[in-house]
Amino acid sequence: METELLQKNFSHIFDTKLITAISEVGILKNFKKDDIIIDINQYLTHIPLLVSGHVKILREDENGYDLLIYFLEVGDTCTMSLSCCAESSKSKIRAIAEKDSSLIMIPVNNMQEWFNTNETWRGFILNTYQKRFSEMLDTIDTLAFLKMDERLLKFLIDKTILHDSKTIFVKHQEIAEDLHTSRVVISRLLKQLENQNKIKLSRNKIEVL
């Protein structure tokens, strides 16, 4: 099964030799929606390759509140977990399943070995760093330059792209946690966006117009 998943999602990235090697050492793990996949201060011995579902990557502030950094989609890995594995340091992020998800966990020793011996793996890792760096810059720009209502609308639009649907099933509290604000603020701004005909609200459901 792991080989089939890898071929389906990574054949355009990895060569056949690498896909075979990953299927031999990788461990397939399944997570339900809202399961914690990686937690803050956890020592990492494996890096994840996402083969189905979506995963959100969060940072925690000094008061214990989470802030959304970026999402992982099928075919992605997490650069922050790569860095922690390479440095044998504790995780600085929390990874949570956005929906039911499956990941192949690769031992850190193989990750380092393949970087030196396999061109397709090395290219994948370098491209991942570049992609995540751009996403983190986008997150910084959003926090620094957008007002909360603009951040909220961007968050909703990003969600529709992620799930390939104009309808999002989410609670106001979940949005508040991801955007590091209160549920009251989110509910007020959602109503404001609805009055501007940018969204349509239903119970635990939002349609982006």
C-alpha atoms as a PDB file:
ATOM      1  CA  MET A   1       0.000   0.000   0.000  1.00  0.00           C
ATOM      2  CA  GLU A   2       2.796   2.439   0.845  1.00  0.00           C
ATOM      3  CA  THR A   3       4.364   1.883  -2.581  1.00  0.00           C
ATOM      4  CA  GLU A   4       1.049   2.579  -4.331  1.00  0.00           C
ATOM      5  CA  LEU A   5       0.543   5.765  -2.286  1.00  0.00           C
ATOM      6  CA  LEU A   6       4.076   6.907  -3.003  1.00  0.00           C
ATOM      7  CA  GLN A   7       3.792   6.242  -6.724  1.00  0.00           C
ATOM      8  CA  LYS A   8       0.451   8.061  -6.862  1.00  0.00           C
ATOM      9  CA  ASN A   9       1.694  11.186  -5.070  1.00  0.00           C
ATOM     10  CA  PHE A  10       5.450  11.310  -5.626  1.00  0.00           C
ATOM     11  CA  SER A  11       6.240   9.593  -8.946  1.00  0.00           C
ATOM     12  CA  HIS A  12       6.563  13.021 -10.592  1.00  0.00           C
ATOM     13  CA  ILE A  13       9.105  14.041  -7.928  1.00  0.00           C
ATOM     14  CA  PHE A  14      11.076  10.942  -6.864  1.00  0.00           C
ATOM     15  CA  ASP A  15      12.843   8.384  -9.031  1.00  0.00           C
ATOM     16  CA  THR A  16      11.852   4.705  -8.878  1.00  0.00           C
ATOM     17  CA  LYS A  17      14.846   3.777  -6.739  1.00  0.00           C
ATOM     18  CA  LEU A  18      13.924   6.329  -4.080  1.00  0.00           C
ATOM     19  CA  ILE A  19      10.243   5.327  -4.032  1.00  0.00           C
ATOM     20  CA  THR A  20      11.323   1.722  -3.434  1.00  0.00           C
ATOM     21  CA  ALA A  21      13.691   2.797  -0.645  1.00  0.00           C
ATOM     22  CA  ILE A  22      10.994   4.904   1.060  1.00  0.00           C
ATOM     23  CA  SER A  23       8.498   2.027   0.906  1.00  0.00           C
ATOM     24  CA  GLU A  24      11.060  -0.229   2.606  1.00  0.00           C
ATOM     25  CA  VAL A  25      11.890   2.036   5.569  1.00  0.00           C
ATOM     26  CA  GLY A  26       8.846   4.312   5.799  1.00  0.00           C
ATOM     27  CA  ILE A  27       6.057   3.748   8.332  1.00  0.00           C
ATOM     28  CA  LEU A  28       2.483   4.522   7.291  1.00  0.00           C
ATOM     29  CA  LYS A  29       0.507   6.297  10.015  1.00  0.00           C
ATOM     30  CA  ASN A  30      -3.132   7.380   9.929  1.00  0.00           C
ATOM     31  CA  PHE A  31      -4.553  10.314  11.898  1.00  0.00           C
ATOM     32  CA  LYS A  32      -8.101  11.471  12.537  1.00  0.00           C
ATOM     33  CA  LYS A  33      -9.181  15.104  12.188  1.00  0.00           C
ATOM     34  CA  ASP A  34      -7.711  17.227  15.020  1.00  0.00           C
ATOM     35  CA  ASP A  35      -5.164  14.557  16.038  1.00  0.00           C
ATOM     36  CA  ILE A  36      -1.776  15.967  17.052  1.00  0.00           C
ATOM     37  CA  ILE A  37       0.857  14.552  14.689  1.00  0.00           C
ATOM     38  CA  ILE A  38       3.874  16.461  16.015  1.00  0.00           C
ATOM     39  CA  ASP A  39       3.865  18.430  19.249  1.00  0.00           C
ATOM     40  CA  ILE A  40       5.990  21.250  20.605  1.00  0.00           C
ATOM     41  CA  ASN A  41       9.107  20.113  22.524  1.00  0.00           C
ATOM     42  CA  GLN A  42       8.857  16.629  21.034  1.00  0.00           C
ATOM     43  CA  TYR A  43      12.102  15.024  19.856  1.00  0.00           C
ATOM     44  CA  LEU A  44      11.689  13.929  16.252  1.00  0.00           C
ATOM     45  CA  THR A  45      13.137  10.703  14.922  1.00  0.00           C
ATOM     46  CA  HIS A  46      11.125  10.682  11.664  1.00  0.00           C
ATOM     47  CA  ILE A  47       9.980  13.245   9.117  1.00  0.00           C
ATOM     48  CA  PRO A  48       6.480  13.122   7.586  1.00  0.00           C
ATOM     49  CA  LEU A  49       5.462  12.797   3.953  1.00  0.00           C
ATOM     50  CA  LEU A  50       1.775  13.614   3.531  1.00  0.00           C
ATOM     51  CA  VAL A  51       0.032  11.107   1.250  1.00  0.00           C
ATOM     52  CA  SER A  52      -3.599  11.998   1.974  1.00  0.00           C
ATOM     53  CA  GLY A  53      -5.511  14.716   3.834  1.00  0.00           C
ATOM     54  CA  HIS A  54      -4.292  18.106   5.063  1.00  0.00           C
ATOM     55  CA  VAL A  55      -2.170  19.156   8.046  1.00  0.00           C
ATOM     56  CA  LYS A  56      -1.872  22.577   9.663  1.00  0.00           C
ATOM     57  CA  ILE A  57       1.395  23.766  11.196  1.00  0.00           C
ATOM     58  CA  LEU A  58       1.126  25.986  14.281  1.00  0.00           C
ATOM     59  CA  ARG A  59       3.425  27.978  16.544  1.00  0.00           C
ATOM     60  CA  GLU A  60       2.656  28.577  20.213  1.00  0.00           C
ATOM     61  CA  ASP A  61       3.123  31.912  22.004  1.00  0.00           C
ATOM     62  CA  GLU A  62       4.272  32.378  25.605  1.00  0.00           C
ATOM     63  CA  ASN A  63       0.660  32.210  26.800  1.00  0.00           C
ATOM     64  CA  GLY A  64       0.017  28.861  25.141  1.00  0.00           C
ATOM     65  CA  TYR A  65      -2.061  30.182  22.223  1.00  0.00           C
ATOM     66  CA  ASP A  66      -1.521  28.720  18.753  1.00  0.00           C
ATOM     67  CA  LEU A  67      -0.853  30.717  15.599  1.00  0.00           C
ATOM     68  CA  LEU A  68      -1.331  29.175  12.156  1.00  0.00           C
ATOM     69  CA  ILE A  69       1.878  29.241  10.084  1.00  0.00           C
ATOM     70  CA  TYR A  70       0.982  27.221   6.984  1.00  0.00           C
ATOM     71  CA  PHE A  71      -0.829  24.128   5.697  1.00  0.00           C
ATOM     72  CA  LEU A  72       0.650  20.907   4.341  1.00  0.00           C
ATOM     73  CA  GLU A  73      -1.028  19.382   1.300  1.00  0.00           C
ATOM     74  CA  VAL A  74      -0.601  15.951  -0.301  1.00  0.00           C
ATOM     75  CA  GLY A  75       2.974  15.583  -1.531  1.00  0.00           C
ATOM     76  CA  ASP A  76       4.382  17.946   1.112  1.00  0.00           C
ATOM     77  CA  THR A  77       6.689  17.581   4.071  1.00  0.00           C
ATOM     78  CA  CYS A  78       7.350  19.987   6.947  1.00  0.00           C
ATOM     79  CA  THR A  79      10.552  22.031   6.776  1.00  0.00           C
ATOM     80  CA  MET A  80      10.484  22.720  10.509  1.00  0.00           C
ATOM     81  CA  SER A  81      10.519  18.995  11.228  1.00  0.00           C
ATOM     82  CA  LEU A  82      13.379  18.649   8.735  1.00  0.00           C
ATOM     83  CA  SER A  83      15.384  21.263  10.626  1.00  0.00           C
ATOM     84  CA  CYS A  84      14.672  19.682  14.017  1.00  0.00           C
ATOM     85  CA  CYS A  85      15.704  16.256  12.759  1.00  0.00           C
ATOM     86  CA  ALA A  86      18.894  17.596  11.199  1.00  0.00           C
ATOM     87  CA  GLU A  87      19.834  19.409  14.415  1.00  0.00           C
ATOM     88  CA  SER A  88      18.540  16.692  16.794  1.00  0.00           C
ATOM     89  CA  SER A  89      16.551  19.429  18.544  1.00  0.00           C
ATOM     90  CA  LYS A  90      13.037  19.581  19.988  1.00  0.00           C
ATOM     91  CA  SER A  91      10.122  20.508  17.772  1.00  0.00           C
ATOM     92  CA  LYS A  92       9.216  24.190  17.739  1.00  0.00           C
ATOM     93  CA  ILE A  93       5.880  23.600  15.987  1.00  0.00           C
ATOM     94  CA  ARG A  94       2.646  21.674  16.448  1.00  0.00           C
ATOM     95  CA  ALA A  95       1.249  19.718  13.496  1.00  0.00           C
ATOM     96  CA  ILE A  96      -2.470  18.897  13.620  1.00  0.00           C
ATOM     97  CA  ALA A  97      -4.566  16.947  11.126  1.00  0.00           C
ATOM     98  CA  GLU A  98      -6.904  19.404   9.388  1.00  0.00           C
ATOM     99  CA  LYS A  99      -8.915  16.373   8.227  1.00  0.00           C
ATOM    100  CA  ASP A 100      -8.364  12.601   8.338  1.00  0.00           C
ATOM    101  CA  SER A 101      -4.816  12.215   7.018  1.00  0.00           C
ATOM    102  CA  SER A 102      -2.184   9.589   6.236  1.00  0.00           C
ATOM    103  CA  LEU A 103       1.566  10.166   6.419  1.00  0.00           C
ATOM    104  CA  ILE A 104       4.628   8.093   5.710  1.00  0.00           C
ATOM    105  CA  MET A 105       7.229   8.630   8.416  1.00  0.00           C
ATOM    106  CA  ILE A 106      10.848   8.451   7.253  1.00  0.00           C
ATOM    107  CA  PRO A 107      13.720   7.821   9.735  1.00  0.00           C
ATOM    108  CA  VAL A 108      16.037  10.805  10.080  1.00  0.00           C
ATOM    109  CA  ASN A 109      19.123   8.735   9.178  1.00  0.00           C
ATOM    110  CA  ASN A 110      17.645   7.916   5.777  1.00  0.00           C
ATOM    111  CA  MET A 111      16.662  11.550   5.246  1.00  0.00           C
ATOM    112  CA  GLN A 112      20.271  12.638   5.702  1.00  0.00           C
ATOM    113  CA  GLU A 113      21.714   9.787   3.640  1.00  0.00           C
ATOM    114  CA  TRP A 114      19.405  10.399   0.672  1.00  0.00           C
ATOM    115  CA  PHE A 115      20.190  14.110   0.674  1.00  0.00           C
ATOM    116  CA  ASN A 116      23.784  13.182  -0.148  1.00  0.00           C
ATOM    117  CA  THR A 117      23.079  10.293  -2.522  1.00  0.00           C
ATOM    118  CA  ASN A 118      19.790  10.924  -4.346  1.00  0.00           C
ATOM    119  CA  GLU A 119      19.306  13.931  -6.618  1.00  0.00           C
ATOM    120  CA  THR A 120      15.473  13.769  -6.629  1.00  0.00           C
ATOM    121  CA  TRP A 121      15.333  13.731  -2.826  1.00  0.00           C
ATOM    122  CA  ARG A 122      17.821  16.602  -2.563  1.00  0.00           C
ATOM    123  CA  GLY A 123      15.800  18.648  -5.042  1.00  0.00           C
ATOM    124  CA  PHE A 124      12.584  17.897  -3.128  1.00  0.00           C
ATOM    125  CA  ILE A 125      14.081  19.050   0.176  1.00  0.00           C
ATOM    126  CA  LEU A 126      15.541  22.257  -1.284  1.00  0.00           C
ATOM    127  CA  ASN A 127      12.290  23.095  -3.083  1.00  0.00           C
ATOM    128  CA  THR A 128      10.359  22.444   0.122  1.00  0.00           C
ATOM    129  CA  TYR A 129      12.537  24.904   2.043  1.00  0.00           C
ATOM    130  CA  GLN A 130      11.990  27.539  -0.653  1.00  0.00           C
ATOM    131  CA  LYS A 131       8.213  26.977  -0.706  1.00  0.00           C
ATOM    132  CA  ARG A 132       7.845  27.115   3.083  1.00  0.00           C
ATOM    133  CA  PHE A 133      10.057  30.200   3.316  1.00  0.00           C
ATOM    134  CA  SER A 134       7.760  31.986   0.873  1.00  0.00           C
ATOM    135  CA  GLU A 135       4.706  30.880   2.844  1.00  0.00           C
ATOM    136  CA  MET A 136       6.177  32.113   6.116  1.00  0.00           C
ATOM    137  CA  LEU A 137       6.973  35.472   4.514  1.00  0.00           C
ATOM    138  CA  ASP A 138       3.359  35.610   3.388  1.00  0.00           C
ATOM    139  CA  THR A 139       2.246  34.860   6.959  1.00  0.00           C
ATOM    140  CA  ILE A 140       4.472  37.652   8.303  1.00  0.00           C
ATOM    141  CA  ASP A 141       3.103  40.094   5.707  1.00  0.00           C
ATOM    142  CA  THR A 142      -0.446  39.101   6.631  1.00  0.00           C
ATOM    143  CA  LEU A 143       0.176  39.702  10.322  1.00  0.00           C
ATOM    144  CA  ALA A 144       2.040  42.948   9.755  1.00  0.00           C
ATOM    145  CA  PHE A 145       0.013  44.632   7.038  1.00  0.00           C
ATOM    146  CA  LEU A 146      -3.547  43.270   6.983  1.00  0.00           C
ATOM    147  CA  LYS A 147      -6.350  44.208   9.324  1.00  0.00           C
ATOM    148  CA  MET A 148      -8.166  41.355  11.058  1.00  0.00           C
ATOM    149  CA  ASP A 149     -11.131  41.405   8.659  1.00  0.00           C
ATOM    150  CA  GLU A 150      -8.704  41.163   5.718  1.00  0.00           C
ATOM    151  CA  ARG A 151      -6.804  38.362   7.444  1.00  0.00           C
ATOM    152  CA  LEU A 152     -10.063  36.523   8.041  1.00  0.00           C
ATOM    153  CA  LEU A 153     -11.199  36.769   4.428  1.00  0.00           C
ATOM    154  CA  LYS A 154      -7.782  35.635   3.197  1.00  0.00           C
ATOM    155  CA  PHE A 155      -7.913  32.708   5.641  1.00  0.00           C
ATOM    156  CA  LEU A 156     -11.330  31.663   4.301  1.00  0.00           C
ATOM    157  CA  ILE A 157     -10.229  31.953   0.677  1.00  0.00           C
ATOM    158  CA  ASP A 158      -7.106  29.895   1.414  1.00  0.00           C
ATOM    159  CA  LYS A 159      -9.339  27.262   3.014  1.00  0.00           C
ATOM    160  CA  THR A 160     -11.516  27.031  -0.113  1.00  0.00           C
ATOM    161  CA  ILE A 161      -8.400  26.516  -2.219  1.00  0.00           C
ATOM    162  CA  LEU A 162      -7.054  23.907   0.196  1.00  0.00           C
ATOM    163  CA  HIS A 163     -10.296  21.905   0.234  1.00  0.00           C
ATOM    164  CA  ASP A 164     -11.222  22.660  -3.406  1.00  0.00           C
ATOM    165  CA  SER A 165     -14.670  23.816  -2.305  1.00  0.00           C
ATOM    166  CA  LYS A 166     -16.390  27.158  -1.793  1.00  0.00           C
ATOM    167  CA  THR A 167     -18.079  25.713   1.307  1.00  0.00           C
ATOM    168  CA  ILE A 168     -16.057  25.374   4.516  1.00  0.00           C
ATOM    169  CA  PHE A 169     -17.196  23.332   7.502  1.00  0.00           C
ATOM    170  CA  VAL A 170     -15.641  25.044  10.509  1.00  0.00           C
ATOM    171  CA  LYS A 171     -16.611  26.482  13.887  1.00  0.00           C
ATOM    172  CA  HIS A 172     -16.013  30.125  14.776  1.00  0.00           C
ATOM    173  CA  GLN A 173     -13.859  29.026  17.713  1.00  0.00           C
ATOM    174  CA  GLU A 174     -11.573  27.013  15.422  1.00  0.00           C
ATOM    175  CA  ILE A 175     -11.041  30.044  13.185  1.00  0.00           C
ATOM    176  CA  ALA A 176     -10.337  32.201  16.239  1.00  0.00           C
ATOM    177  CA  GLU A 177      -7.681  29.772  17.440  1.00  0.00           C
ATOM    178  CA  ASP A 178      -5.985  29.630  14.045  1.00  0.00           C
ATOM    179  CA  LEU A 179      -5.962  33.437  13.736  1.00  0.00           C
ATOM    180  CA  HIS A 180      -4.929  33.988  17.357  1.00  0.00           C
ATOM    181  CA  THR A 181      -7.934  36.046  18.382  1.00  0.00           C
ATOM    182  CA  SER A 182     -11.263  35.604  20.212  1.00  0.00           C
ATOM    183  CA  ARG A 183     -14.409  33.853  19.025  1.00  0.00           C
ATOM    184  CA  VAL A 184     -16.405  37.035  19.655  1.00  0.00           C
ATOM    185  CA  VAL A 185     -14.182  38.999  17.264  1.00  0.00           C
ATOM    186  CA  ILE A 186     -14.415  36.309  14.584  1.00  0.00           C
ATOM    187  CA  SER A 187     -18.201  36.041  14.872  1.00  0.00           C
ATOM    188  CA  ARG A 188     -18.546  39.821  14.540  1.00  0.00           C
ATOM    189  CA  LEU A 189     -16.238  39.990  11.515  1.00  0.00           C
ATOM    190  CA  LEU A 190     -17.927  37.017   9.834  1.00  0.00           C
ATOM    191  CA  LYS A 191     -21.275  38.784  10.153  1.00  0.00           C
ATOM    192  CA  GLN A 192     -19.648  41.907   8.719  1.00  0.00           C
ATOM    193  CA  LEU A 193     -18.322  39.932   5.732  1.00  0.00           C
ATOM    194  CA  GLU A 194     -21.773  38.403   5.228  1.00  0.00           C
ATOM    195  CA  ASN A 195     -23.344  41.863   5.186  1.00  0.00           C
ATOM    196  CA  GLN A 196     -20.813  42.792   2.491  1.00  0.00           C
ATOM    197  CA  ASN A 197     -22.002  39.759   0.455  1.00  0.00           C
ATOM    198  CA  LYS A 198     -18.548  38.186   0.581  1.00  0.00           C
ATOM    199  CA  ILE A 199     -19.658  35.066   2.478  1.00  0.00           C
ATOM    200  CA  LYS A 200     -22.842  33.255   3.493  1.00  0.00           C
ATOM    201  CA  LEU A 201     -23.099  31.896   7.047  1.00  0.00           C
ATOM    202  CA  SER A 202     -24.812  28.725   8.243  1.00  0.00           C
ATOM    203  CA  ARG A 203     -24.383  26.634  11.374  1.00  0.00           C
ATOM    204  CA  ASN A 204     -20.737  25.467  11.448  1.00  0.00           C
ATOM    205  CA  LYS A 205     -20.591  26.180   7.721  1.00  0.00           C
ATOM    206  CA  ILE A 206     -19.341  29.130   5.645  1.00  0.00           C
ATOM    207  CA  GLU A 207     -19.779  29.642   1.912  1.00  0.00           C
ATOM    208  CA  VAL A 208     -17.310  32.016   0.266  1.00  0.00           C
ATOM    209  CA  LEU A 209     -19.090  33.940  -2.507  1.00  0.00           C
END
